[in-house]
Amino acid sequence: MTEIRWGIMSAANIAFDQLVPALRRSGRAVVSAVASKSKGKAERFQVPTIYENYQELLNDPDIDAVYIPLPNSLHAEWAVKAMNHGKHVLLEKPAALTENEMLSIKKAAEDNGVVFMEAFMYQFHRQHTRVKELLQSNLIGQYQHAKAHFSWKLENNADIRLNRELGGGAMRDVGCYGFHAITQLVGFKPMKLSMIGKVHPEFGVDTTSTCVLIDDQLRTAEITASMELPFINRYEIIGSNGTIIVDSSFRPDVSDDGFGKITVKDDNGNIILFERWKDDQYLNQVEHFHECILNKKDPIYNANHSLEMARYLEKSYQSLQNHSVLLDVN
């Protein structure tokens, strides 16, 4: 196999605007089919085959891999079905609403010998490799606190991200990026967490929320997510000797200049380093996925990492719903 034949499960905007163009920039991908109940939306992809339902797509023996950008509540169901049909799966974040859902995804991937990866595309931007280098260099000393903020204004009240039954909510939508950056890139592993938030009285989902975390070394972290504040996406790592600030950290592609920015300040607030990084995070993501399929490798971000993420998000929402303070994560 030298080419990966892709099927897209739904005609979601993220697929049309970002993922499919990235596949077409790759020399190893063919976008063969789209499955959608909306023929008009599917036709804009200009693919050879359009299926009216998702099962038809999975029944197609000529599809090697599927990209699933369905509503959050449908992720686990269709990821498992796809892998049981022998398809490799790139699944939009968050992969699952619960730890048990993620366990079923992990088992399906293992049972069927296929590649599974949760689509946190931002981690494939090289600015984050540079952040890891800076952390390892001890430039800011040992980190003691980390914080992430991702917000944007959702103005459509019919949007699925405001639908509780479909797994809506700010922390699931954009807060998961902050969770990923803090726990997977920085390496902060919470022992306890607590989440508070503004729950919409009509829709029943958090529209702005903050999660506070503490680890077994008594280091702290905070993650803020909002669907009603100005567009901001950044994370910070605060150490004994200074701070690393990563601006446009999750969507550098839509920043004013298309660059992610890394600023390092000393413990007096003086800037001692500033760098701008540009990269193609969506293309890098699909190329890594192709590499794993073609060479039978495990992704650098695999199902075990996604299992951690599912646990953190599930515990966060339990804390919000039960008004729990410092809920045990494990």
C-alpha atoms as a PDB file:
ATOM      1  CA  MET A   1       0.000   0.000   0.000  1.00  0.00           C
ATOM      2  CA  THR A   2       1.443   3.370  -1.034  1.00  0.00           C
ATOM      3  CA  GLU A   3      -1.750   5.433  -0.962  1.00  0.00           C
ATOM      4  CA  ILE A   4      -4.319   5.718   1.805  1.00  0.00           C
ATOM      5  CA  ARG A   5      -7.900   5.870   0.549  1.00  0.00           C
ATOM      6  CA  TRP A   6      -9.959   8.046   2.858  1.00  0.00           C
ATOM      7  CA  GLY A   7     -13.632   8.240   3.677  1.00  0.00           C
ATOM      8  CA  ILE A   8     -15.041  11.256   5.503  1.00  0.00           C
ATOM      9  CA  MET A   9     -17.873  10.528   7.922  1.00  0.00           C
ATOM     10  CA  SER A  10     -20.117  13.628   7.689  1.00  0.00           C
ATOM     11  CA  ALA A  11     -19.798  16.866   5.756  1.00  0.00           C
ATOM     12  CA  ALA A  12     -18.787  18.903   8.804  1.00  0.00           C
ATOM     13  CA  ASN A  13     -17.107  22.267   8.241  1.00  0.00           C
ATOM     14  CA  ILE A  14     -13.897  21.161   9.976  1.00  0.00           C
ATOM     15  CA  ALA A  15     -13.580  18.392   7.398  1.00  0.00           C
ATOM     16  CA  PHE A  16     -14.235  20.696   4.448  1.00  0.00           C
ATOM     17  CA  ASP A  17     -12.174  23.637   5.665  1.00  0.00           C
ATOM     18  CA  GLN A  18      -9.176  21.897   7.232  1.00  0.00           C
ATOM     19  CA  LEU A  19      -8.820  18.123   7.164  1.00  0.00           C
ATOM     20  CA  VAL A  20      -9.691  17.359   3.542  1.00  0.00           C
ATOM     21  CA  PRO A  21      -7.481  20.178   2.176  1.00  0.00           C
ATOM     22  CA  ALA A  22      -4.634  18.789   4.298  1.00  0.00           C
ATOM     23  CA  LEU A  23      -5.223  15.308   2.877  1.00  0.00           C
ATOM     24  CA  ARG A  24      -5.070  16.787  -0.612  1.00  0.00           C
ATOM     25  CA  ARG A  25      -1.753  18.468   0.212  1.00  0.00           C
ATOM     26  CA  SER A  26      -0.382  15.040   1.078  1.00  0.00           C
ATOM     27  CA  GLY A  27       1.152  12.869  -1.584  1.00  0.00           C
ATOM     28  CA  ARG A  28      -0.115   9.717   0.127  1.00  0.00           C
ATOM     29  CA  ALA A  29      -3.846  10.347   0.432  1.00  0.00           C
ATOM     30  CA  VAL A  30      -6.853   9.969  -1.848  1.00  0.00           C
ATOM     31  CA  VAL A  31     -10.172  11.344  -0.613  1.00  0.00           C
ATOM     32  CA  SER A  32     -12.500   8.723  -2.046  1.00  0.00           C
ATOM     33  CA  ALA A  33     -15.871   9.228  -0.371  1.00  0.00           C
ATOM     34  CA  VAL A  34     -18.009  11.342   1.927  1.00  0.00           C
ATOM     35  CA  ALA A  35     -21.005  10.059   3.870  1.00  0.00           C
ATOM     36  CA  SER A  36     -23.653  12.619   4.770  1.00  0.00           C
ATOM     37  CA  LYS A  37     -27.402  12.995   5.057  1.00  0.00           C
ATOM     38  CA  SER A  38     -27.008  16.346   3.317  1.00  0.00           C
ATOM     39  CA  LYS A  39     -26.202  15.670  -0.343  1.00  0.00           C
ATOM     40  CA  GLY A  40     -25.661  19.363  -1.021  1.00  0.00           C
ATOM     41  CA  LYS A  41     -23.019  19.707   1.679  1.00  0.00           C
ATOM     42  CA  ALA A  42     -21.342  16.479   0.578  1.00  0.00           C
ATOM     43  CA  GLU A  43     -21.169  17.529  -3.073  1.00  0.00           C
ATOM     44  CA  ARG A  44     -18.932  20.475  -2.265  1.00  0.00           C
ATOM     45  CA  PHE A  45     -16.134  18.030  -1.375  1.00  0.00           C
ATOM     46  CA  GLN A  46     -15.970  16.950  -5.051  1.00  0.00           C
ATOM     47  CA  VAL A  47     -15.257  13.307  -4.300  1.00  0.00           C
ATOM     48  CA  PRO A  48     -15.965  10.264  -6.497  1.00  0.00           C
ATOM     49  CA  THR A  49     -18.518   8.720  -4.124  1.00  0.00           C
ATOM     50  CA  ILE A  50     -21.186  10.155  -1.841  1.00  0.00           C
ATOM     51  CA  TYR A  51     -22.984   7.872   0.589  1.00  0.00           C
ATOM     52  CA  GLU A  52     -26.272   8.782   2.202  1.00  0.00           C
ATOM     53  CA  ASN A  53     -25.446   7.059   5.485  1.00  0.00           C
ATOM     54  CA  TYR A  54     -22.353   6.210   7.499  1.00  0.00           C
ATOM     55  CA  GLN A  55     -22.799   2.443   7.374  1.00  0.00           C
ATOM     56  CA  GLU A  56     -22.524   2.443   3.578  1.00  0.00           C
ATOM     57  CA  LEU A  57     -19.176   4.171   3.887  1.00  0.00           C
ATOM     58  CA  LEU A  58     -17.929   1.535   6.325  1.00  0.00           C
ATOM     59  CA  ASN A  59     -19.123  -1.244   4.013  1.00  0.00           C
ATOM     60  CA  ASP A  60     -16.938   0.089   1.189  1.00  0.00           C
ATOM     61  CA  PRO A  61     -13.959  -2.307   0.898  1.00  0.00           C
ATOM     62  CA  ASP A  62     -11.927   0.323  -0.962  1.00  0.00           C
ATOM     63  CA  ILE A  63     -11.776   2.689   2.030  1.00  0.00           C
ATOM     64  CA  ASP A  64      -8.666   2.284   4.186  1.00  0.00           C
ATOM     65  CA  ALA A  65      -9.160   5.049   6.745  1.00  0.00           C
ATOM     66  CA  VAL A  66     -11.967   7.258   7.968  1.00  0.00           C
ATOM     67  CA  TYR A  67     -12.003  10.694   9.517  1.00  0.00           C
ATOM     68  CA  ILE A  68     -14.856  11.146  12.010  1.00  0.00           C
ATOM     69  CA  PRO A  69     -15.911  14.728  12.877  1.00  0.00           C
ATOM     70  CA  LEU A  70     -19.373  13.773  14.151  1.00  0.00           C
ATOM     71  CA  PRO A  71     -20.963  15.308  17.277  1.00  0.00           C
ATOM     72  CA  ASN A  72     -19.093  14.297  20.432  1.00  0.00           C
ATOM     73  CA  SER A  73     -21.788  11.910  21.634  1.00  0.00           C
ATOM     74  CA  LEU A  74     -21.399   9.814  18.456  1.00  0.00           C
ATOM     75  CA  HIS A  75     -17.611   9.540  18.469  1.00  0.00           C
ATOM     76  CA  ALA A  76     -17.205   6.282  20.352  1.00  0.00           C
ATOM     77  CA  GLU A  77     -20.071   4.470  18.606  1.00  0.00           C
ATOM     78  CA  TRP A  78     -18.856   5.167  15.080  1.00  0.00           C
ATOM     79  CA  ALA A  79     -15.160   4.856  15.833  1.00  0.00           C
ATOM     80  CA  VAL A  80     -15.758   1.348  17.175  1.00  0.00           C
ATOM     81  CA  LYS A  81     -17.959   0.436  14.197  1.00  0.00           C
ATOM     82  CA  ALA A  82     -15.345   1.742  11.771  1.00  0.00           C
ATOM     83  CA  MET A  83     -12.518  -0.210  13.381  1.00  0.00           C
ATOM     84  CA  ASN A  84     -14.662  -3.355  13.476  1.00  0.00           C
ATOM     85  CA  HIS A  85     -14.876  -2.926   9.684  1.00  0.00           C
ATOM     86  CA  GLY A  86     -11.082  -2.832   9.496  1.00  0.00           C
ATOM     87  CA  LYS A  87     -10.762   0.921   8.987  1.00  0.00           C
ATOM     88  CA  HIS A  88      -8.047   3.071  10.500  1.00  0.00           C
ATOM     89  CA  VAL A  89      -9.625   5.945  12.426  1.00  0.00           C
ATOM     90  CA  LEU A  90      -8.679   9.573  12.870  1.00  0.00           C
ATOM     91  CA  LEU A  91     -11.263  10.799  15.362  1.00  0.00           C
ATOM     92  CA  GLU A  92     -12.053  14.413  16.193  1.00  0.00           C
ATOM     93  CA  LYS A  93     -11.457  15.559  19.727  1.00  0.00           C
ATOM     94  CA  PRO A  94     -12.652  14.860  22.329  1.00  0.00           C
ATOM     95  CA  ALA A  95     -12.520  11.183  21.420  1.00  0.00           C
ATOM     96  CA  ALA A  96     -14.956  10.119  24.120  1.00  0.00           C
ATOM     97  CA  LEU A  97     -17.292  11.529  26.736  1.00  0.00           C
ATOM     98  CA  THR A  98     -16.347   8.939  29.354  1.00  0.00           C
ATOM     99  CA  GLU A  99     -13.434   6.727  30.278  1.00  0.00           C
ATOM    100  CA  ASN A 100     -15.531   3.635  29.507  1.00  0.00           C
ATOM    101  CA  GLU A 101     -16.252   4.912  25.996  1.00  0.00           C
ATOM    102  CA  MET A 102     -12.537   5.409  25.430  1.00  0.00           C
ATOM    103  CA  LEU A 103     -11.806   1.907  26.715  1.00  0.00           C
ATOM    104  CA  SER A 104     -14.178   0.521  24.069  1.00  0.00           C
ATOM    105  CA  ILE A 105     -12.338   2.510  21.382  1.00  0.00           C
ATOM    106  CA  LYS A 106      -8.948   1.282  22.590  1.00  0.00           C
ATOM    107  CA  LYS A 107     -10.148  -2.325  22.610  1.00  0.00           C
ATOM    108  CA  ALA A 108     -11.577  -2.073  19.086  1.00  0.00           C
ATOM    109  CA  ALA A 109      -8.271  -0.700  17.784  1.00  0.00           C
ATOM    110  CA  GLU A 110      -6.311  -3.504  19.428  1.00  0.00           C
ATOM    111  CA  ASP A 111      -8.736  -6.261  18.420  1.00  0.00           C
ATOM    112  CA  ASN A 112      -8.726  -5.198  14.777  1.00  0.00           C
ATOM    113  CA  GLY A 113      -5.065  -4.252  14.415  1.00  0.00           C
ATOM    114  CA  VAL A 114      -5.830  -0.777  13.083  1.00  0.00           C
ATOM    115  CA  VAL A 115      -4.394   2.655  13.791  1.00  0.00           C
ATOM    116  CA  PHE A 116      -6.415   4.967  16.001  1.00  0.00           C
ATOM    117  CA  MET A 117      -5.586   8.572  16.798  1.00  0.00           C
ATOM    118  CA  GLU A 118      -7.491  11.429  18.396  1.00  0.00           C
ATOM    119  CA  ALA A 119      -7.172  14.527  16.215  1.00  0.00           C
ATOM    120  CA  PHE A 120      -5.374  17.047  18.401  1.00  0.00           C
ATOM    121  CA  MET A 121      -3.787  18.536  15.296  1.00  0.00           C
ATOM    122  CA  TYR A 122      -2.154  21.479  17.094  1.00  0.00           C
ATOM    123  CA  GLN A 123       0.445  19.228  18.772  1.00  0.00           C
ATOM    124  CA  PHE A 124       2.056  18.594  15.366  1.00  0.00           C
ATOM    125  CA  HIS A 125       3.042  22.264  15.020  1.00  0.00           C
ATOM    126  CA  ARG A 126       6.779  22.560  15.601  1.00  0.00           C
ATOM    127  CA  GLN A 127       6.378  25.415  18.107  1.00  0.00           C
ATOM    128  CA  HIS A 128       5.473  22.798  20.727  1.00  0.00           C
ATOM    129  CA  THR A 129       8.635  20.809  20.058  1.00  0.00           C
ATOM    130  CA  ARG A 130      10.479  24.033  20.772  1.00  0.00           C
ATOM    131  CA  VAL A 131       8.530  24.499  24.020  1.00  0.00           C
ATOM    132  CA  LYS A 132       9.588  21.027  25.143  1.00  0.00           C
ATOM    133  CA  GLU A 133      13.223  21.892  24.352  1.00  0.00           C
ATOM    134  CA  LEU A 134      12.961  25.066  26.415  1.00  0.00           C
ATOM    135  CA  LEU A 135      11.467  23.146  29.344  1.00  0.00           C
ATOM    136  CA  GLN A 136      14.245  20.561  29.203  1.00  0.00           C
ATOM    137  CA  SER A 137      16.888  23.309  29.033  1.00  0.00           C
ATOM    138  CA  ASN A 138      15.895  24.440  32.533  1.00  0.00           C
ATOM    139  CA  LEU A 139      15.765  28.045  31.285  1.00  0.00           C
ATOM    140  CA  ILE A 140      12.822  28.823  33.588  1.00  0.00           C
ATOM    141  CA  GLY A 141      13.816  26.338  36.272  1.00  0.00           C
ATOM    142  CA  GLN A 142      11.386  23.680  37.444  1.00  0.00           C
ATOM    143  CA  TYR A 143       7.842  24.544  36.523  1.00  0.00           C
ATOM    144  CA  GLN A 144       5.446  25.165  39.395  1.00  0.00           C
ATOM    145  CA  HIS A 145       2.260  26.296  37.656  1.00  0.00           C
ATOM    146  CA  ALA A 146       0.744  26.024  34.180  1.00  0.00           C
ATOM    147  CA  LYS A 147      -2.338  27.612  32.698  1.00  0.00           C
ATOM    148  CA  ALA A 148      -4.202  27.439  29.405  1.00  0.00           C
ATOM    149  CA  HIS A 149      -6.954  29.595  27.965  1.00  0.00           C
ATOM    150  CA  PHE A 150      -9.025  28.971  24.826  1.00  0.00           C
ATOM    151  CA  SER A 151     -12.086  31.105  24.154  1.00  0.00           C
ATOM    152  CA  TRP A 152     -14.225  32.203  21.223  1.00  0.00           C
ATOM    153  CA  LYS A 153     -17.693  33.639  20.662  1.00  0.00           C
ATOM    154  CA  LEU A 154     -20.396  31.204  19.580  1.00  0.00           C
ATOM    155  CA  GLU A 155     -23.284  33.249  18.224  1.00  0.00           C
ATOM    156  CA  ASN A 156     -25.482  30.501  16.739  1.00  0.00           C
ATOM    157  CA  ASN A 157     -27.892  29.137  19.359  1.00  0.00           C
ATOM    158  CA  ALA A 158     -28.642  26.138  17.132  1.00  0.00           C
ATOM    159  CA  ASP A 159     -25.001  25.007  17.153  1.00  0.00           C
ATOM    160  CA  ILE A 160     -24.475  21.405  18.320  1.00  0.00           C
ATOM    161  CA  ARG A 161     -21.894  22.615  20.843  1.00  0.00           C
ATOM    162  CA  LEU A 162     -24.814  23.983  22.863  1.00  0.00           C
ATOM    163  CA  ASN A 163     -26.606  20.630  22.782  1.00  0.00           C
ATOM    164  CA  ARG A 164     -26.167  18.673  26.009  1.00  0.00           C
ATOM    165  CA  GLU A 165     -27.372  15.383  24.490  1.00  0.00           C
ATOM    166  CA  LEU A 166     -24.729  15.663  21.773  1.00  0.00           C
ATOM    167  CA  GLY A 167     -21.901  16.215  24.259  1.00  0.00           C
ATOM    168  CA  GLY A 168     -21.722  19.980  24.040  1.00  0.00           C
ATOM    169  CA  GLY A 169     -19.996  22.374  26.416  1.00  0.00           C
ATOM    170  CA  ALA A 170     -17.034  24.718  26.428  1.00  0.00           C
ATOM    171  CA  MET A 171     -14.591  22.461  28.275  1.00  0.00           C
ATOM    172  CA  ARG A 172     -15.245  19.622  25.841  1.00  0.00           C
ATOM    173  CA  ASP A 173     -15.101  21.899  22.803  1.00  0.00           C
ATOM    174  CA  VAL A 174     -12.013  24.034  23.428  1.00  0.00           C
ATOM    175  CA  GLY A 175     -11.015  23.275  27.012  1.00  0.00           C
ATOM    176  CA  CYS A 176      -9.803  19.880  25.876  1.00  0.00           C
ATOM    177  CA  TYR A 177      -6.964  21.669  24.050  1.00  0.00           C
ATOM    178  CA  GLY A 178      -5.858  23.197  27.324  1.00  0.00           C
ATOM    179  CA  PHE A 179      -6.107  19.842  29.068  1.00  0.00           C
ATOM    180  CA  HIS A 180      -4.019  18.301  26.316  1.00  0.00           C
ATOM    181  CA  ALA A 181      -1.341  20.991  26.435  1.00  0.00           C
ATOM    182  CA  ILE A 182      -1.031  20.876  30.219  1.00  0.00           C
ATOM    183  CA  THR A 183      -1.165  17.095  30.689  1.00  0.00           C
ATOM    184  CA  GLN A 184       0.433  15.791  27.478  1.00  0.00           C
ATOM    185  CA  LEU A 185       2.880  18.464  26.310  1.00  0.00           C
ATOM    186  CA  VAL A 186       3.939  19.909  29.664  1.00  0.00           C
ATOM    187  CA  GLY A 187       3.517  16.515  31.342  1.00  0.00           C
ATOM    188  CA  PHE A 188       1.480  17.692  34.333  1.00  0.00           C
ATOM    189  CA  LYS A 189      -0.428  14.703  35.736  1.00  0.00           C
ATOM    190  CA  PRO A 190      -3.225  15.839  38.085  1.00  0.00           C
ATOM    191  CA  MET A 191      -3.962  14.002  41.279  1.00  0.00           C
ATOM    192  CA  LYS A 192      -7.058  16.083  42.072  1.00  0.00           C
ATOM    193  CA  LEU A 193      -9.152  18.593  40.168  1.00  0.00           C
ATOM    194  CA  SER A 194     -12.106  20.904  40.582  1.00  0.00           C
ATOM    195  CA  MET A 195     -14.214  22.576  37.903  1.00  0.00           C
ATOM    196  CA  ILE A 196     -16.576  25.513  38.179  1.00  0.00           C
ATOM    197  CA  GLY A 197     -18.474  27.132  35.372  1.00  0.00           C
ATOM    198  CA  LYS A 198     -21.391  29.072  34.014  1.00  0.00           C
ATOM    199  CA  VAL A 199     -24.063  26.611  32.875  1.00  0.00           C
ATOM    200  CA  HIS A 200     -26.505  27.996  30.322  1.00  0.00           C
ATOM    201  CA  PRO A 201     -30.017  27.964  31.873  1.00  0.00           C
ATOM    202  CA  GLU A 202     -31.678  26.892  28.621  1.00  0.00           C
ATOM    203  CA  PHE A 203     -29.138  24.549  27.039  1.00  0.00           C
ATOM    204  CA  GLY A 204     -27.657  22.985  30.176  1.00  0.00           C
ATOM    205  CA  VAL A 205     -24.023  23.127  28.998  1.00  0.00           C
ATOM    206  CA  ASP A 206     -21.085  25.099  30.339  1.00  0.00           C
ATOM    207  CA  THR A 207     -20.479  28.194  28.233  1.00  0.00           C
ATOM    208  CA  THR A 208     -17.529  29.361  30.338  1.00  0.00           C
ATOM    209  CA  SER A 209     -15.675  27.125  32.778  1.00  0.00           C
ATOM    210  CA  THR A 210     -12.394  26.848  34.641  1.00  0.00           C
ATOM    211  CA  CYS A 211     -10.721  23.717  35.951  1.00  0.00           C
ATOM    212  CA  VAL A 212      -8.084  23.851  38.717  1.00  0.00           C
ATOM    213  CA  LEU A 213      -5.680  20.935  39.098  1.00  0.00           C
ATOM    214  CA  ILE A 214      -3.015  19.811  41.563  1.00  0.00           C
ATOM    215  CA  ASP A 215      -0.450  17.022  41.203  1.00  0.00           C
ATOM    216  CA  ASP A 216       1.360  14.813  43.689  1.00  0.00           C
ATOM    217  CA  GLN A 217       4.205  17.352  43.967  1.00  0.00           C
ATOM    218  CA  LEU A 218       1.651  20.041  44.896  1.00  0.00           C
ATOM    219  CA  ARG A 219       2.214  21.874  41.611  1.00  0.00           C
ATOM    220  CA  THR A 220      -0.884  23.560  40.254  1.00  0.00           C
ATOM    221  CA  ALA A 221      -2.557  24.221  36.908  1.00  0.00           C
ATOM    222  CA  GLU A 222      -5.651  25.944  35.585  1.00  0.00           C
ATOM    223  CA  ILE A 223      -7.585  25.554  32.347  1.00  0.00           C
ATOM    224  CA  THR A 224     -10.208  28.035  31.150  1.00  0.00           C
ATOM    225  CA  ALA A 225     -12.597  27.456  28.260  1.00  0.00           C
ATOM    226  CA  SER A 226     -15.317  29.689  26.890  1.00  0.00           C
ATOM    227  CA  MET A 227     -17.743  29.946  24.000  1.00  0.00           C
ATOM    228  CA  GLU A 228     -18.690  33.536  24.871  1.00  0.00           C
ATOM    229  CA  LEU A 229     -15.410  35.444  25.320  1.00  0.00           C
ATOM    230  CA  PRO A 230     -13.097  37.004  22.694  1.00  0.00           C
ATOM    231  CA  PHE A 231     -10.897  34.690  20.630  1.00  0.00           C
ATOM    232  CA  ILE A 232      -7.814  33.847  22.689  1.00  0.00           C
ATOM    233  CA  ASN A 233      -5.708  30.683  22.535  1.00  0.00           C
ATOM    234  CA  ARG A 234      -2.572  30.440  24.626  1.00  0.00           C
ATOM    235  CA  TYR A 235      -0.833  28.547  27.403  1.00  0.00           C
ATOM    236  CA  GLU A 236       1.813  29.493  29.947  1.00  0.00           C
ATOM    237  CA  ILE A 237       4.328  27.523  31.964  1.00  0.00           C
ATOM    238  CA  ILE A 238       5.578  29.282  35.096  1.00  0.00           C
ATOM    239  CA  GLY A 239       8.801  28.150  36.697  1.00  0.00           C
ATOM    240  CA  SER A 240      11.007  29.191  39.568  1.00  0.00           C
ATOM    241  CA  ASN A 241      13.170  31.349  37.276  1.00  0.00           C
ATOM    242  CA  GLY A 242      10.724  32.567  34.642  1.00  0.00           C
ATOM    243  CA  THR A 243       7.790  31.913  32.337  1.00  0.00           C
ATOM    244  CA  ILE A 244       7.196  30.429  28.881  1.00  0.00           C
ATOM    245  CA  ILE A 245       4.207  31.986  27.112  1.00  0.00           C
ATOM    246  CA  VAL A 246       2.828  30.385  23.943  1.00  0.00           C
ATOM    247  CA  ASP A 247       0.447  32.648  22.035  1.00  0.00           C
ATOM    248  CA  SER A 248      -1.733  31.388  19.156  1.00  0.00           C
ATOM    249  CA  SER A 249      -0.842  28.013  20.586  1.00  0.00           C
ATOM    250  CA  PHE A 250      -3.824  25.995  19.330  1.00  0.00           C
ATOM    251  CA  ARG A 251      -4.827  27.788  16.123  1.00  0.00           C
ATOM    252  CA  PRO A 252      -1.754  29.630  14.830  1.00  0.00           C
ATOM    253  CA  ASP A 253      -3.140  29.133  11.323  1.00  0.00           C
ATOM    254  CA  VAL A 254      -5.893  31.673  12.002  1.00  0.00           C
ATOM    255  CA  SER A 255      -3.739  34.218  13.849  1.00  0.00           C
ATOM    256  CA  ASP A 256      -3.134  37.601  12.222  1.00  0.00           C
ATOM    257  CA  ASP A 257       0.175  36.527  10.704  1.00  0.00           C
ATOM    258  CA  GLY A 258      -0.213  32.742  10.707  1.00  0.00           C
ATOM    259  CA  PHE A 259       2.558  32.280  13.264  1.00  0.00           C
ATOM    260  CA  GLY A 260       2.651  30.785  16.721  1.00  0.00           C
ATOM    261  CA  LYS A 261       4.666  32.895  19.171  1.00  0.00           C
ATOM    262  CA  ILE A 262       6.875  31.818  22.051  1.00  0.00           C
ATOM    263  CA  THR A 263       7.957  34.392  24.628  1.00  0.00           C
ATOM    264  CA  VAL A 264      10.223  33.600  27.558  1.00  0.00           C
ATOM    265  CA  LYS A 265      10.449  36.016  30.480  1.00  0.00           C
ATOM    266  CA  ASP A 266      12.805  35.905  33.443  1.00  0.00           C
ATOM    267  CA  ASP A 267      11.617  36.089  37.029  1.00  0.00           C
ATOM    268  CA  ASN A 268      11.511  39.896  36.839  1.00  0.00           C
ATOM    269  CA  GLY A 269       9.256  39.879  33.778  1.00  0.00           C
ATOM    270  CA  ASN A 270      11.987  40.832  31.299  1.00  0.00           C
ATOM    271  CA  ILE A 271      11.746  39.218  27.850  1.00  0.00           C
ATOM    272  CA  ILE A 272      14.806  37.054  27.288  1.00  0.00           C
ATOM    273  CA  LEU A 273      13.615  35.179  24.199  1.00  0.00           C
ATOM    274  CA  PHE A 274      10.992  35.670  21.507  1.00  0.00           C
ATOM    275  CA  GLU A 275      10.436  33.317  18.572  1.00  0.00           C
ATOM    276  CA  ARG A 276       7.816  33.000  15.825  1.00  0.00           C
ATOM    277  CA  TRP A 277       7.051  29.644  14.274  1.00  0.00           C
ATOM    278  CA  LYS A 278       5.028  28.778  11.187  1.00  0.00           C
ATOM    279  CA  ASP A 279       4.035  25.254  10.237  1.00  0.00           C
ATOM    280  CA  ASP A 280       1.298  23.144   8.633  1.00  0.00           C
ATOM    281  CA  GLN A 281      -0.161  21.349  11.655  1.00  0.00           C
ATOM    282  CA  TYR A 282      -3.026  19.686   9.784  1.00  0.00           C
ATOM    283  CA  LEU A 283      -0.718  18.286   7.102  1.00  0.00           C
ATOM    284  CA  ASN A 284       1.804  17.158   9.726  1.00  0.00           C
ATOM    285  CA  GLN A 285      -0.988  15.344  11.550  1.00  0.00           C
ATOM    286  CA  VAL A 286      -2.191  13.375   8.525  1.00  0.00           C
ATOM    287  CA  GLU A 287       1.356  12.580   7.419  1.00  0.00           C
ATOM    288  CA  HIS A 288       2.109  11.141  10.848  1.00  0.00           C
ATOM    289  CA  PHE A 289      -1.099   9.116  10.640  1.00  0.00           C
ATOM    290  CA  HIS A 290      -0.124   7.832   7.174  1.00  0.00           C
ATOM    291  CA  GLU A 291       3.318   6.895   8.474  1.00  0.00           C
ATOM    292  CA  CYS A 292       1.752   4.864  11.271  1.00  0.00           C
ATOM    293  CA  ILE A 293      -0.527   3.005   8.842  1.00  0.00           C
ATOM    294  CA  LEU A 294       2.139   2.282   6.249  1.00  0.00           C
ATOM    295  CA  ASN A 295       4.799   1.232   8.766  1.00  0.00           C
ATOM    296  CA  LYS A 296       2.493  -0.378  11.333  1.00  0.00           C
ATOM    297  CA  LYS A 297       3.580   2.041  14.061  1.00  0.00           C
ATOM    298  CA  ASP A 298       1.799   3.357  17.125  1.00  0.00           C
ATOM    299  CA  PRO A 299       1.054   7.109  16.952  1.00  0.00           C
ATOM    300  CA  ILE A 300       3.087   9.378  19.201  1.00  0.00           C
ATOM    301  CA  TYR A 301      -0.265  10.314  20.720  1.00  0.00           C
ATOM    302  CA  ASN A 302      -2.028   6.987  21.143  1.00  0.00           C
ATOM    303  CA  ALA A 303      -5.134   5.454  22.720  1.00  0.00           C
ATOM    304  CA  ASN A 304      -3.518   5.315  26.164  1.00  0.00           C
ATOM    305  CA  HIS A 305      -2.994   9.075  26.081  1.00  0.00           C
ATOM    306  CA  SER A 306      -6.586   9.547  24.907  1.00  0.00           C
ATOM    307  CA  LEU A 307      -7.700   7.390  27.817  1.00  0.00           C
ATOM    308  CA  GLU A 308      -6.035   9.836  30.220  1.00  0.00           C
ATOM    309  CA  MET A 309      -7.758  12.736  28.493  1.00  0.00           C
ATOM    310  CA  ALA A 310     -11.166  11.053  28.660  1.00  0.00           C
ATOM    311  CA  ARG A 311     -10.721  10.479  32.392  1.00  0.00           C
ATOM    312  CA  TYR A 312      -9.733  14.091  33.053  1.00  0.00           C
ATOM    313  CA  LEU A 313     -12.687  15.489  31.109  1.00  0.00           C
ATOM    314  CA  GLU A 314     -15.168  13.082  32.672  1.00  0.00           C
ATOM    315  CA  LYS A 315     -13.926  13.929  36.180  1.00  0.00           C
ATOM    316  CA  SER A 316     -14.127  17.641  35.377  1.00  0.00           C
ATOM    317  CA  TYR A 317     -17.779  17.420  34.431  1.00  0.00           C
ATOM    318  CA  GLN A 318     -18.507  15.292  37.484  1.00  0.00           C
ATOM    319  CA  SER A 319     -16.969  18.044  39.601  1.00  0.00           C
ATOM    320  CA  LEU A 320     -19.058  20.701  37.874  1.00  0.00           C
ATOM    321  CA  GLN A 321     -22.289  18.762  38.223  1.00  0.00           C
ATOM    322  CA  ASN A 322     -21.713  17.692  41.826  1.00  0.00           C
ATOM    323  CA  HIS A 323     -20.074  20.933  42.987  1.00  0.00           C
ATOM    324  CA  SER A 324     -17.131  18.815  44.129  1.00  0.00           C
ATOM    325  CA  VAL A 325     -13.942  20.423  45.413  1.00  0.00           C
ATOM    326  CA  LEU A 326     -10.690  18.706  44.438  1.00  0.00           C
ATOM    327  CA  LEU A 327     -12.185  15.475  43.146  1.00  0.00           C
ATOM    328  CA  ASP A 328      -9.733  12.543  42.998  1.00  0.00           C
ATOM    329  CA  VAL A 329      -8.729  11.882  39.380  1.00  0.00           C
ATOM    330  CA  ASN A 330      -7.705   8.245  39.741  1.00  0.00           C
END
